Amino acid sequence: MDYSKPSRPEPRYVSDAVTIAAKILVVGHFAVGKTTFIGSLSEIAPLRTEERMTQAAAHVDDLRGAPDKVTTTVALDFGRLTLSDDVVLYLFGTPGQQRFIQLWEDMARGALGALILVDPVRLAESFPVIELVEKYGLEYSIAVNSFTPDEYDEAEIREALDLLPDTPVSYCDARSRESSGQALITLVRHLLSRTA
């Protein structure tokens, strides 16, 4: 699988033909790959609000699942993806730590839905995220982000996260544009099925 970012044009402005714009949240717990996911899909240079992690947060940010992590999102990630001549998606990535939870309410306002990234080896960390998405009444799908080739059974993921039968589950590698795109397509199809 090719993980290199393909070259693509970076249109600065949205085409005048665009008549539908949708806001999609990309959410998940700390260090699950939200910034990477948006960066792999965005047709513009993504906006990132990352800062270096300091000793002050050492007792708060659990690095067990990401020991090499040196930066963290402190406000949001933002990217754009044009789906067709008349449809564009705006991707908003939320910080994963509980101390940034006050940002969620504003970011959730006006969102069509949420893609919840989960790490299969840290599923328990996803419960607070799922609860917030449900609190704000957003439709969502789950994307199991795995940077390793290990397979994780969908039935086990569903049971561990206590998902409803109609909640879509997809698998992705956030570093891959194609893989991330498939996870986003799964969410968009789910959202369309809810509005049809």
N, C-alpha and C. Protein backbone atom coordinates (compact mmCIF):
# COMPACT_ATOMS: atom_id res chain seq x y z
N MET A 1 0.85 -1.17 0.00
CA MET A 1 0.00 0.00 0.00
C MET A 1 0.89 1.23 0.00
N ASP A 2 0.58 2.16 -0.82
CA ASP A 2 1.37 3.39 -0.94
C ASP A 2 0.86 4.43 0.04
N TYR A 3 1.73 4.84 0.99
CA TYR A 3 1.33 5.82 2.00
C TYR A 3 1.76 7.22 1.66
N SER A 4 2.39 7.40 0.52
CA SER A 4 2.83 8.74 0.16
C SER A 4 1.63 9.59 -0.24
N LYS A 5 1.72 10.85 0.05
CA LYS A 5 0.63 11.77 -0.27
C LYS A 5 0.71 12.11 -1.75
N PRO A 6 -0.32 11.76 -2.53
CA PRO A 6 -0.28 12.06 -3.95
C PRO A 6 -0.35 13.56 -4.20
N SER A 7 0.30 13.96 -5.28
CA SER A 7 0.21 15.38 -5.61
C SER A 7 -1.16 15.65 -6.21
N ARG A 8 -1.72 16.77 -5.88
CA ARG A 8 -3.03 17.15 -6.40
C ARG A 8 -3.10 18.67 -6.39
N PRO A 9 -3.93 19.22 -7.22
CA PRO A 9 -4.02 20.67 -7.26
C PRO A 9 -4.55 21.21 -5.94
N GLU A 10 -4.13 22.41 -5.60
CA GLU A 10 -4.61 23.05 -4.38
C GLU A 10 -5.41 24.29 -4.74
N PRO A 11 -6.66 24.09 -5.14
CA PRO A 11 -7.49 25.26 -5.44
C PRO A 11 -7.69 26.07 -4.18
N ARG A 12 -7.43 27.34 -4.27
CA ARG A 12 -7.53 28.19 -3.09
C ARG A 12 -8.98 28.47 -2.73
N TYR A 13 -9.82 28.63 -3.74
CA TYR A 13 -11.21 28.99 -3.49
C TYR A 13 -12.14 27.90 -3.98
N VAL A 14 -13.31 27.86 -3.39
CA VAL A 14 -14.34 26.91 -3.81
C VAL A 14 -14.95 27.42 -5.11
N SER A 15 -15.23 26.50 -5.99
CA SER A 15 -15.83 26.83 -7.28
C SER A 15 -17.19 27.49 -7.10
N ASP A 16 -17.52 28.40 -8.01
CA ASP A 16 -18.84 29.05 -7.99
C ASP A 16 -19.97 28.04 -8.22
N ALA A 17 -19.64 26.87 -8.79
CA ALA A 17 -20.65 25.85 -9.06
C ALA A 17 -21.11 25.13 -7.80
N VAL A 18 -20.35 25.23 -6.72
CA VAL A 18 -20.70 24.52 -5.48
C VAL A 18 -21.97 25.13 -4.88
N THR A 19 -22.96 24.27 -4.67
CA THR A 19 -24.24 24.70 -4.09
C THR A 19 -24.51 24.04 -2.74
N ILE A 20 -23.74 22.98 -2.42
CA ILE A 20 -23.93 22.26 -1.17
C ILE A 20 -22.60 22.20 -0.43
N ALA A 21 -22.59 22.69 0.78
CA ALA A 21 -21.41 22.60 1.64
C ALA A 21 -21.83 21.92 2.93
N ALA A 22 -21.07 20.92 3.34
CA ALA A 22 -21.41 20.19 4.56
C ALA A 22 -20.22 20.18 5.51
N LYS A 23 -20.53 20.36 6.78
CA LYS A 23 -19.52 20.34 7.84
C LYS A 23 -19.51 18.94 8.45
N ILE A 24 -18.33 18.33 8.45
CA ILE A 24 -18.14 16.99 9.02
C ILE A 24 -17.11 17.08 10.13
N LEU A 25 -17.43 16.52 11.29
CA LEU A 25 -16.45 16.45 12.37
C LEU A 25 -15.65 15.17 12.26
N VAL A 26 -14.35 15.27 12.50
CA VAL A 26 -13.48 14.11 12.62
C VAL A 26 -13.02 14.11 14.07
N VAL A 27 -13.50 13.12 14.82
CA VAL A 27 -13.29 13.12 16.27
C VAL A 27 -12.66 11.80 16.70
N GLY A 28 -12.18 11.81 17.91
CA GLY A 28 -11.58 10.62 18.49
C GLY A 28 -10.76 11.00 19.69
N HIS A 29 -10.30 9.99 20.40
CA HIS A 29 -9.51 10.25 21.60
C HIS A 29 -8.11 10.76 21.23
N PHE A 30 -7.37 11.14 22.22
CA PHE A 30 -6.02 11.67 22.08
C PHE A 30 -5.14 10.69 21.31
N ALA A 31 -4.43 11.22 20.31
CA ALA A 31 -3.42 10.46 19.55
C ALA A 31 -4.00 9.31 18.73
N VAL A 32 -5.22 9.49 18.21
CA VAL A 32 -5.82 8.43 17.41
C VAL A 32 -5.59 8.63 15.91
N GLY A 33 -5.15 9.84 15.49
CA GLY A 33 -4.84 10.05 14.07
C GLY A 33 -5.73 11.06 13.36
N LYS A 34 -6.42 11.92 14.08
CA LYS A 34 -7.34 12.87 13.45
C LYS A 34 -6.61 13.87 12.55
N THR A 35 -5.51 14.42 13.04
CA THR A 35 -4.73 15.38 12.24
C THR A 35 -4.19 14.72 10.99
N THR A 36 -3.70 13.51 11.13
CA THR A 36 -3.17 12.75 9.99
C THR A 36 -4.28 12.46 8.99
N PHE A 37 -5.45 12.07 9.48
CA PHE A 37 -6.59 11.75 8.63
C PHE A 37 -6.98 12.95 7.77
N ILE A 38 -7.17 14.10 8.41
CA ILE A 38 -7.56 15.30 7.66
C ILE A 38 -6.47 15.71 6.68
N GLY A 39 -5.22 15.60 7.10
CA GLY A 39 -4.11 15.94 6.22
C GLY A 39 -4.04 15.05 5.00
N SER A 40 -4.42 13.79 5.14
CA SER A 40 -4.36 12.87 3.99
C SER A 40 -5.46 13.15 2.97
N LEU A 41 -6.56 13.78 3.39
CA LEU A 41 -7.70 14.00 2.50
C LEU A 41 -7.83 15.42 1.97
N SER A 42 -7.35 16.40 2.69
CA SER A 42 -7.63 17.79 2.34
C SER A 42 -7.00 18.19 1.02
N GLU A 43 -7.79 18.86 0.18
CA GLU A 43 -7.29 19.34 -1.11
C GLU A 43 -6.57 20.67 -0.98
N ILE A 44 -6.69 21.28 0.19
CA ILE A 44 -5.94 22.50 0.49
C ILE A 44 -4.95 22.17 1.61
N ALA A 45 -3.97 23.01 1.79
CA ALA A 45 -3.07 22.81 2.92
C ALA A 45 -3.91 22.89 4.19
N PRO A 46 -3.96 21.82 4.99
CA PRO A 46 -4.84 21.84 6.15
C PRO A 46 -4.37 22.83 7.20
N LEU A 47 -5.34 23.41 7.89
CA LEU A 47 -5.05 24.26 9.03
C LEU A 47 -4.82 23.33 10.21
N ARG A 48 -3.69 23.51 10.87
CA ARG A 48 -3.38 22.70 12.04
C ARG A 48 -3.03 23.62 13.19
N THR A 49 -3.54 23.33 14.36
CA THR A 49 -3.20 24.12 15.54
C THR A 49 -2.47 23.23 16.53
N GLU A 50 -1.36 22.70 16.09
CA GLU A 50 -0.58 21.82 16.95
C GLU A 50 0.49 22.60 17.70
N GLU A 51 0.70 22.18 18.92
CA GLU A 51 1.76 22.74 19.75
C GLU A 51 2.58 21.61 20.33
N ARG A 52 3.82 21.92 20.65
CA ARG A 52 4.69 20.92 21.28
C ARG A 52 4.14 20.56 22.65
N MET A 53 4.20 19.30 22.97
CA MET A 53 3.78 18.85 24.29
C MET A 53 4.88 19.18 25.29
N THR A 54 4.46 19.56 26.49
CA THR A 54 5.41 19.96 27.51
C THR A 54 5.28 19.08 28.75
N GLN A 55 6.17 19.26 29.67
CA GLN A 55 6.11 18.52 30.93
C GLN A 55 4.86 18.86 31.73
N ALA A 56 4.33 20.06 31.51
CA ALA A 56 3.13 20.48 32.25
C ALA A 56 1.95 19.55 31.99
N ALA A 57 1.91 18.93 30.81
CA ALA A 57 0.80 18.03 30.47
C ALA A 57 1.16 16.56 30.66
N ALA A 58 2.36 16.29 31.15
CA ALA A 58 2.82 14.91 31.28
C ALA A 58 1.90 14.06 32.14
N HIS A 59 1.32 14.64 33.18
CA HIS A 59 0.43 13.88 34.06
C HIS A 59 -1.00 13.79 33.51
N VAL A 60 -1.29 14.51 32.41
CA VAL A 60 -2.63 14.55 31.85
C VAL A 60 -2.72 13.74 30.55
N ASP A 61 -1.76 13.90 29.66
CA ASP A 61 -1.79 13.22 28.36
C ASP A 61 -1.10 11.86 28.46
N ASP A 62 -1.88 10.81 28.26
CA ASP A 62 -1.38 9.45 28.37
C ASP A 62 -0.74 9.05 27.04
N LEU A 63 0.56 8.90 27.04
CA LEU A 63 1.30 8.57 25.82
C LEU A 63 1.55 7.08 25.64
N ARG A 64 0.91 6.24 26.42
CA ARG A 64 1.16 4.80 26.31
C ARG A 64 0.88 4.27 24.91
N GLY A 65 -0.14 4.78 24.25
CA GLY A 65 -0.46 4.30 22.91
C GLY A 65 0.29 5.02 21.81
N ALA A 66 0.99 6.10 22.14
CA ALA A 66 1.71 6.91 21.14
C ALA A 66 2.97 7.49 21.77
N PRO A 67 3.94 6.64 22.11
CA PRO A 67 5.12 7.13 22.84
C PRO A 67 5.97 8.13 22.07
N ASP A 68 5.87 8.17 20.74
CA ASP A 68 6.68 9.08 19.94
C ASP A 68 5.98 10.42 19.67
N LYS A 69 4.80 10.60 20.20
CA LYS A 69 4.03 11.83 19.94
C LYS A 69 4.69 13.01 20.65
N VAL A 70 4.94 14.09 19.90
CA VAL A 70 5.58 15.27 20.50
C VAL A 70 4.74 16.54 20.36
N THR A 71 3.67 16.49 19.55
CA THR A 71 2.78 17.64 19.40
C THR A 71 1.34 17.19 19.64
N THR A 72 0.48 18.16 19.91
CA THR A 72 -0.93 17.85 20.10
C THR A 72 -1.78 19.01 19.58
N THR A 73 -2.96 18.71 19.08
CA THR A 73 -3.89 19.73 18.60
C THR A 73 -4.48 20.45 19.81
N VAL A 74 -4.45 21.79 19.75
CA VAL A 74 -4.94 22.57 20.89
C VAL A 74 -6.21 23.36 20.56
N ALA A 75 -6.64 23.35 19.32
CA ALA A 75 -7.89 24.02 18.95
C ALA A 75 -8.65 23.17 17.94
N LEU A 76 -8.14 23.06 16.73
CA LEU A 76 -8.81 22.28 15.71
C LEU A 76 -7.88 22.00 14.55
N ASP A 77 -8.29 21.05 13.73
CA ASP A 77 -7.72 20.83 12.40
C ASP A 77 -8.83 21.18 11.42
N PHE A 78 -8.44 21.66 10.26
CA PHE A 78 -9.45 22.01 9.26
C PHE A 78 -8.93 21.65 7.87
N GLY A 79 -9.79 21.02 7.10
CA GLY A 79 -9.46 20.69 5.72
C GLY A 79 -10.70 20.77 4.86
N ARG A 80 -10.50 20.70 3.55
CA ARG A 80 -11.61 20.79 2.60
C ARG A 80 -11.47 19.71 1.56
N LEU A 81 -12.61 19.13 1.16
CA LEU A 81 -12.61 18.09 0.14
C LEU A 81 -13.82 18.31 -0.76
N THR A 82 -13.56 18.56 -2.04
CA THR A 82 -14.64 18.73 -3.02
C THR A 82 -15.03 17.35 -3.52
N LEU A 83 -16.31 17.01 -3.35
CA LEU A 83 -16.80 15.69 -3.77
C LEU A 83 -17.25 15.67 -5.22
N SER A 84 -17.84 16.77 -5.67
CA SER A 84 -18.33 16.85 -7.05
C SER A 84 -18.35 18.32 -7.42
N ASP A 85 -18.82 18.61 -8.62
CA ASP A 85 -18.87 20.00 -9.06
C ASP A 85 -19.67 20.89 -8.13
N ASP A 86 -20.68 20.29 -7.45
CA ASP A 86 -21.55 21.13 -6.62
C ASP A 86 -21.54 20.81 -5.13
N VAL A 87 -20.70 19.86 -4.69
CA VAL A 87 -20.68 19.47 -3.27
C VAL A 87 -19.26 19.54 -2.71
N VAL A 88 -19.15 20.22 -1.55
CA VAL A 88 -17.86 20.31 -0.86
C VAL A 88 -18.06 19.95 0.61
N LEU A 89 -17.06 19.23 1.16
CA LEU A 89 -17.08 18.90 2.58
C LEU A 89 -16.01 19.72 3.29
N TYR A 90 -16.38 20.26 4.44
CA TYR A 90 -15.42 20.93 5.31
C TYR A 90 -15.18 20.00 6.50
N LEU A 91 -13.94 19.61 6.68
CA LEU A 91 -13.56 18.64 7.72
C LEU A 91 -12.99 19.39 8.92
N PHE A 92 -13.59 19.20 10.07
CA PHE A 92 -13.14 19.83 11.31
C PHE A 92 -12.69 18.74 12.27
N GLY A 93 -11.43 18.77 12.66
CA GLY A 93 -10.90 17.81 13.63
C GLY A 93 -10.86 18.43 15.00
N THR A 94 -11.35 17.71 15.99
CA THR A 94 -11.40 18.20 17.36
C THR A 94 -10.20 17.71 18.16
N PRO A 95 -9.79 18.45 19.18
CA PRO A 95 -8.76 17.93 20.08
C PRO A 95 -9.31 16.71 20.83
N GLY A 96 -8.43 15.80 21.18
CA GLY A 96 -8.88 14.57 21.82
C GLY A 96 -8.89 14.58 23.33
N GLN A 97 -8.26 15.57 23.95
CA GLN A 97 -8.18 15.57 25.40
C GLN A 97 -9.40 16.22 26.03
N GLN A 98 -9.75 15.71 27.21
CA GLN A 98 -10.92 16.22 27.93
C GLN A 98 -10.79 17.70 28.28
N ARG A 99 -9.58 18.20 28.46
CA ARG A 99 -9.43 19.60 28.86
C ARG A 99 -9.83 20.57 27.75
N PHE A 100 -9.99 20.07 26.52
CA PHE A 100 -10.41 20.92 25.40
C PHE A 100 -11.88 20.73 25.06
N ILE A 101 -12.62 20.08 25.94
CA ILE A 101 -14.00 19.72 25.65
C ILE A 101 -14.89 20.92 25.39
N GLN A 102 -14.55 22.09 25.93
CA GLN A 102 -15.38 23.28 25.72
C GLN A 102 -15.43 23.69 24.25
N LEU A 103 -14.47 23.26 23.45
CA LEU A 103 -14.47 23.58 22.03
C LEU A 103 -15.51 22.77 21.25
N TRP A 104 -15.89 21.63 21.81
CA TRP A 104 -16.77 20.72 21.09
C TRP A 104 -18.12 21.33 20.75
N GLU A 105 -18.72 22.03 21.69
CA GLU A 105 -20.07 22.57 21.46
C GLU A 105 -20.10 23.47 20.24
N ASP A 106 -19.12 24.37 20.14
CA ASP A 106 -19.08 25.26 18.97
C ASP A 106 -18.79 24.49 17.70
N MET A 107 -17.90 23.53 17.78
CA MET A 107 -17.55 22.77 16.57
C MET A 107 -18.70 21.87 16.11
N ALA A 108 -19.47 21.36 17.05
CA ALA A 108 -20.59 20.48 16.69
C ALA A 108 -21.75 21.23 16.06
N ARG A 109 -21.86 22.52 16.36
CA ARG A 109 -22.97 23.33 15.83
C ARG A 109 -22.91 23.35 14.30
N GLY A 110 -23.99 22.91 13.67
CA GLY A 110 -24.08 22.94 12.23
C GLY A 110 -23.44 21.77 11.52
N ALA A 111 -22.88 20.83 12.27
CA ALA A 111 -22.25 19.67 11.64
C ALA A 111 -23.31 18.69 11.14
N LEU A 112 -23.06 18.13 9.98
CA LEU A 112 -23.96 17.14 9.41
C LEU A 112 -23.80 15.79 10.10
N GLY A 113 -22.58 15.49 10.51
CA GLY A 113 -22.30 14.21 11.16
C GLY A 113 -20.86 14.16 11.61
N ALA A 114 -20.49 13.01 12.20
CA ALA A 114 -19.14 12.85 12.73
C ALA A 114 -18.57 11.49 12.34
N LEU A 115 -17.31 11.52 12.01
CA LEU A 115 -16.55 10.29 11.81
C LEU A 115 -15.72 10.11 13.07
N ILE A 116 -15.96 9.02 13.79
CA ILE A 116 -15.24 8.76 15.04
C ILE A 116 -14.11 7.79 14.74
N LEU A 117 -12.88 8.30 14.85
CA LEU A 117 -11.71 7.44 14.70
C LEU A 117 -11.46 6.72 16.02
N VAL A 118 -11.21 5.43 15.95
CA VAL A 118 -10.88 4.66 17.15
C VAL A 118 -9.62 3.86 16.91
N ASP A 119 -8.87 3.68 17.97
CA ASP A 119 -7.66 2.85 17.95
C ASP A 119 -8.07 1.48 18.50
N PRO A 120 -7.90 0.40 17.74
CA PRO A 120 -8.39 -0.90 18.19
C PRO A 120 -7.72 -1.42 19.46
N VAL A 121 -6.55 -0.89 19.80
CA VAL A 121 -5.91 -1.35 21.03
C VAL A 121 -6.22 -0.44 22.22
N ARG A 122 -6.98 0.65 21.97
CA ARG A 122 -7.34 1.57 23.05
C ARG A 122 -8.83 1.93 22.94
N LEU A 123 -9.66 0.93 22.74
CA LEU A 123 -11.10 1.18 22.51
C LEU A 123 -11.78 1.87 23.69
N ALA A 124 -11.36 1.57 24.90
CA ALA A 124 -12.02 2.16 26.07
C ALA A 124 -11.92 3.68 26.06
N GLU A 125 -10.88 4.23 25.43
CA GLU A 125 -10.72 5.68 25.37
C GLU A 125 -11.75 6.34 24.44
N SER A 126 -12.47 5.54 23.68
CA SER A 126 -13.45 6.08 22.73
C SER A 126 -14.81 6.36 23.35
N PHE A 127 -15.09 5.81 24.52
CA PHE A 127 -16.41 5.99 25.13
C PHE A 127 -16.77 7.45 25.39
N PRO A 128 -15.87 8.25 25.98
CA PRO A 128 -16.24 9.66 26.19
C PRO A 128 -16.52 10.40 24.88
N VAL A 129 -15.81 10.03 23.82
CA VAL A 129 -16.01 10.67 22.52
C VAL A 129 -17.37 10.30 21.96
N ILE A 130 -17.70 9.02 22.00
CA ILE A 130 -19.01 8.57 21.50
C ILE A 130 -20.13 9.24 22.29
N GLU A 131 -19.96 9.34 23.60
CA GLU A 131 -20.97 10.00 24.43
C GLU A 131 -21.17 11.45 24.04
N LEU A 132 -20.08 12.16 23.74
CA LEU A 132 -20.22 13.57 23.33
C LEU A 132 -20.93 13.69 21.99
N VAL A 133 -20.55 12.85 21.04
CA VAL A 133 -21.19 12.89 19.72
C VAL A 133 -22.69 12.63 19.86
N GLU A 134 -23.05 11.66 20.68
CA GLU A 134 -24.47 11.38 20.91
C GLU A 134 -25.16 12.52 21.66
N LYS A 135 -24.44 13.13 22.61
CA LYS A 135 -25.00 14.26 23.36
C LYS A 135 -25.40 15.40 22.42
N TYR A 136 -24.59 15.64 21.40
CA TYR A 136 -24.88 16.71 20.46
C TYR A 136 -25.80 16.26 19.31
N GLY A 137 -26.30 15.05 19.39
CA GLY A 137 -27.29 14.57 18.44
C GLY A 137 -26.77 14.36 17.03
N LEU A 138 -25.48 14.05 16.90
CA LEU A 138 -24.90 13.87 15.56
C LEU A 138 -24.96 12.41 15.12
N GLU A 139 -25.33 12.21 13.87
CA GLU A 139 -25.19 10.88 13.27
C GLU A 139 -23.70 10.62 13.11
N TYR A 140 -23.29 9.36 13.21
CA TYR A 140 -21.87 9.06 13.12
C TYR A 140 -21.60 7.67 12.58
N SER A 141 -20.37 7.49 12.16
CA SER A 141 -19.86 6.16 11.85
C SER A 141 -18.51 6.02 12.53
N ILE A 142 -18.08 4.78 12.68
CA ILE A 142 -16.82 4.45 13.33
C ILE A 142 -15.80 4.09 12.25
N ALA A 143 -14.59 4.64 12.38
CA ALA A 143 -13.48 4.25 11.51
C ALA A 143 -12.37 3.72 12.40
N VAL A 144 -12.07 2.45 12.25
CA VAL A 144 -11.01 1.81 13.03
C VAL A 144 -9.70 2.16 12.35
N ASN A 145 -8.92 3.02 12.99
CA ASN A 145 -7.65 3.48 12.43
C ASN A 145 -6.53 2.61 12.96
N SER A 146 -5.91 1.89 12.07
CA SER A 146 -4.85 1.00 12.50
C SER A 146 -3.61 1.25 11.67
N PHE A 147 -2.51 1.59 12.32
CA PHE A 147 -1.24 1.80 11.63
C PHE A 147 -0.48 0.49 11.47
N THR A 148 -1.08 -0.60 11.90
CA THR A 148 -0.45 -1.91 11.76
C THR A 148 -1.36 -2.79 10.92
N PRO A 149 -0.80 -3.82 10.30
CA PRO A 149 -1.62 -4.68 9.43
C PRO A 149 -2.51 -5.67 10.17
N ASP A 150 -2.53 -5.62 11.51
CA ASP A 150 -3.35 -6.57 12.26
C ASP A 150 -4.82 -6.39 11.93
N GLU A 151 -5.51 -7.52 11.92
CA GLU A 151 -6.95 -7.48 11.64
C GLU A 151 -7.71 -7.49 12.96
N TYR A 152 -8.73 -6.67 13.05
CA TYR A 152 -9.59 -6.63 14.22
C TYR A 152 -11.01 -6.92 13.76
N ASP A 153 -11.61 -7.92 14.38
CA ASP A 153 -12.92 -8.40 13.97
C ASP A 153 -13.99 -7.34 14.23
N GLU A 154 -14.81 -7.09 13.21
CA GLU A 154 -15.85 -6.07 13.34
C GLU A 154 -16.83 -6.39 14.46
N ALA A 155 -17.20 -7.65 14.60
CA ALA A 155 -18.15 -8.02 15.66
C ALA A 155 -17.57 -7.71 17.03
N GLU A 156 -16.28 -7.92 17.21
CA GLU A 156 -15.64 -7.62 18.49
C GLU A 156 -15.59 -6.11 18.74
N ILE A 157 -15.31 -5.35 17.68
CA ILE A 157 -15.30 -3.88 17.79
C ILE A 157 -16.70 -3.39 18.18
N ARG A 158 -17.72 -3.90 17.50
CA ARG A 158 -19.10 -3.50 17.78
C ARG A 158 -19.48 -3.82 19.23
N GLU A 159 -19.13 -5.02 19.66
CA GLU A 159 -19.47 -5.42 21.02
C GLU A 159 -18.72 -4.56 22.04
N ALA A 160 -17.43 -4.35 21.81
CA ALA A 160 -16.61 -3.58 22.75
C ALA A 160 -17.11 -2.14 22.88
N LEU A 161 -17.58 -1.55 21.77
CA LEU A 161 -18.06 -0.17 21.78
C LEU A 161 -19.56 -0.07 22.03
N ASP A 162 -20.24 -1.21 22.13
CA ASP A 162 -21.68 -1.25 22.38
C ASP A 162 -22.44 -0.44 21.33
N LEU A 163 -22.15 -0.72 20.05
CA LEU A 163 -22.74 0.02 18.94
C LEU A 163 -24.10 -0.54 18.56
N LEU A 164 -24.96 0.34 18.08
CA LEU A 164 -26.24 -0.09 17.51
C LEU A 164 -25.96 -0.84 16.21
N PRO A 165 -26.83 -1.77 15.83
CA PRO A 165 -26.59 -2.57 14.63
C PRO A 165 -26.44 -1.75 13.35
N ASP A 166 -27.09 -0.57 13.27
CA ASP A 166 -27.02 0.22 12.04
C ASP A 166 -25.87 1.24 12.03
N THR A 167 -25.02 1.24 13.05
CA THR A 167 -23.87 2.15 13.07
C THR A 167 -22.79 1.57 12.17
N PRO A 168 -22.42 2.27 11.11
CA PRO A 168 -21.40 1.73 10.20
C PRO A 168 -20.02 1.67 10.85
N VAL A 169 -19.29 0.62 10.54
CA VAL A 169 -17.91 0.46 10.97
C VAL A 169 -17.06 0.23 9.73
N SER A 170 -16.01 1.04 9.59
CA SER A 170 -15.07 0.86 8.48
C SER A 170 -13.67 0.79 9.07
N TYR A 171 -12.72 0.45 8.23
CA TYR A 171 -11.33 0.34 8.64
C TYR A 171 -10.50 1.27 7.77
N CYS A 172 -9.50 1.91 8.38
CA CYS A 172 -8.67 2.81 7.58
C CYS A 172 -7.27 2.90 8.16
N ASP A 173 -6.40 3.42 7.35
CA ASP A 173 -5.07 3.85 7.77
C ASP A 173 -5.06 5.34 7.47
N ALA A 174 -5.06 6.17 8.50
CA ALA A 174 -5.21 7.62 8.33
C ALA A 174 -4.11 8.23 7.49
N ARG A 175 -3.01 7.53 7.27
CA ARG A 175 -1.92 8.05 6.45
C ARG A 175 -2.23 7.94 4.96
N SER A 176 -3.19 7.11 4.62
CA SER A 176 -3.50 6.82 3.22
C SER A 176 -4.73 7.60 2.76
N ARG A 177 -4.56 8.39 1.70
CA ARG A 177 -5.68 9.15 1.14
C ARG A 177 -6.81 8.23 0.71
N GLU A 178 -6.47 7.15 0.03
CA GLU A 178 -7.50 6.23 -0.45
C GLU A 178 -8.24 5.57 0.71
N SER A 179 -7.50 5.11 1.69
CA SER A 179 -8.11 4.44 2.83
C SER A 179 -8.98 5.40 3.65
N SER A 180 -8.47 6.60 3.90
CA SER A 180 -9.24 7.60 4.62
C SER A 180 -10.49 7.99 3.83
N GLY A 181 -10.35 8.09 2.52
CA GLY A 181 -11.48 8.43 1.66
C GLY A 181 -12.59 7.39 1.76
N GLN A 182 -12.22 6.12 1.82
CA GLN A 182 -13.23 5.07 1.94
C GLN A 182 -13.99 5.18 3.27
N ALA A 183 -13.26 5.52 4.34
CA ALA A 183 -13.93 5.70 5.63
C ALA A 183 -14.90 6.88 5.58
N LEU A 184 -14.49 7.95 4.92
CA LEU A 184 -15.36 9.12 4.79
C LEU A 184 -16.58 8.80 3.92
N ILE A 185 -16.39 8.04 2.87
CA ILE A 185 -17.51 7.62 2.01
C ILE A 185 -18.52 6.82 2.82
N THR A 186 -18.04 5.95 3.71
CA THR A 186 -18.94 5.17 4.56
C THR A 186 -19.82 6.09 5.40
N LEU A 187 -19.20 7.13 5.97
CA LEU A 187 -19.99 8.10 6.76
C LEU A 187 -20.99 8.83 5.87
N VAL A 188 -20.56 9.33 4.73
CA VAL A 188 -21.45 10.10 3.85
C VAL A 188 -22.63 9.24 3.41
N ARG A 189 -22.38 7.99 3.07
CA ARG A 189 -23.49 7.10 2.68
C ARG A 189 -24.47 6.92 3.84
N HIS A 190 -23.95 6.78 5.03
CA HIS A 190 -24.81 6.65 6.21
C HIS A 190 -25.66 7.91 6.40
N LEU A 191 -25.03 9.08 6.27
CA LEU A 191 -25.76 10.33 6.43
C LEU A 191 -26.84 10.47 5.37
N LEU A 192 -26.52 10.09 4.13
CA LEU A 192 -27.50 10.17 3.06
C LEU A 192 -28.68 9.21 3.32
N SER A 193 -28.39 8.04 3.87
CA SER A 193 -29.47 7.09 4.15
C SER A 193 -30.41 7.61 5.24
N ARG A 194 -29.90 8.47 6.11
CA ARG A 194 -30.71 9.05 7.18
C ARG A 194 -31.57 10.19 6.69
N THR A 195 -31.17 10.83 5.58
CA THR A 195 -31.93 11.97 5.08
C THR A 195 -32.84 11.59 3.92
N ALA A 196 -32.68 10.37 3.41
CA ALA A 196 -33.48 9.94 2.25
C ALA A 196 -34.91 9.66 2.65
